[in-house]
Amino acid sequence: MDKRVENGFFTPESPIFYVGFSSGIISLYEDIIEYALQERSGFQQIISSIVLYILGSVYYKNRNQSFTDSVAINKIDEARSIMKQKIDNPVSPEEIAEQLGVSYSWFRKMFKQYVNISPTQYQLNLKFLRSKELLDTSGLTITEIAYQMNFETVSQFSTFFRKREGISPQGYRREKKNLKK
């Protein structure tokens, strides 16, 4: 729990989340009580997992209550869809905002509020995940992957990948092959 406070999940300013009545969350609390009373082998692990699930549910409900503007949610969902479709040939966030018929400043602000990261960071995360997928599942060379993902050089791709994964694309691929053996 200390880590959750440390990472800002709970703060002195907002120690409580108001999510209204939720029969699902109440049911999970009842499950915790039942497991605790039975004290069967492994009950602590299942209870701690349920607590994490409750925390995730409360966070999800709280975050989504603040977004009652369905137009904003639809625009953000449409933007994420465009970004996912164009991973290999990305469109700038400014161009996406234009396609959606909204100002870039509004788009960036609403996107960051809803998704918790900027549109640019979201696109970079997609690019990284696609790069990992290509390294894991394709027979493409590192150079081919770098150019497919629109990096200007293999070195630029390697630096990008190393910053996120902590290992070069070659090292990542080598580790994955060793795990399969």
Foldseek 3Di string as FASTA:
>chain_A
DVVCAVVPLADPVRNDQDLDDDVVLVVLVVVLVVLVVVVDPPSVVVNVVSVVVSSVVSVVSRLVVVPPPVLLVVLLVVLVVQLLVCQQPGDDLCVSCVVSVHHSVVNQVSNCSNVVDGPVVSSLVSNQVVLLVCLQPHPDDLQVSCVSSPHPGSVRVQVSNCVVPVHGSVVSSVVNVVVVD
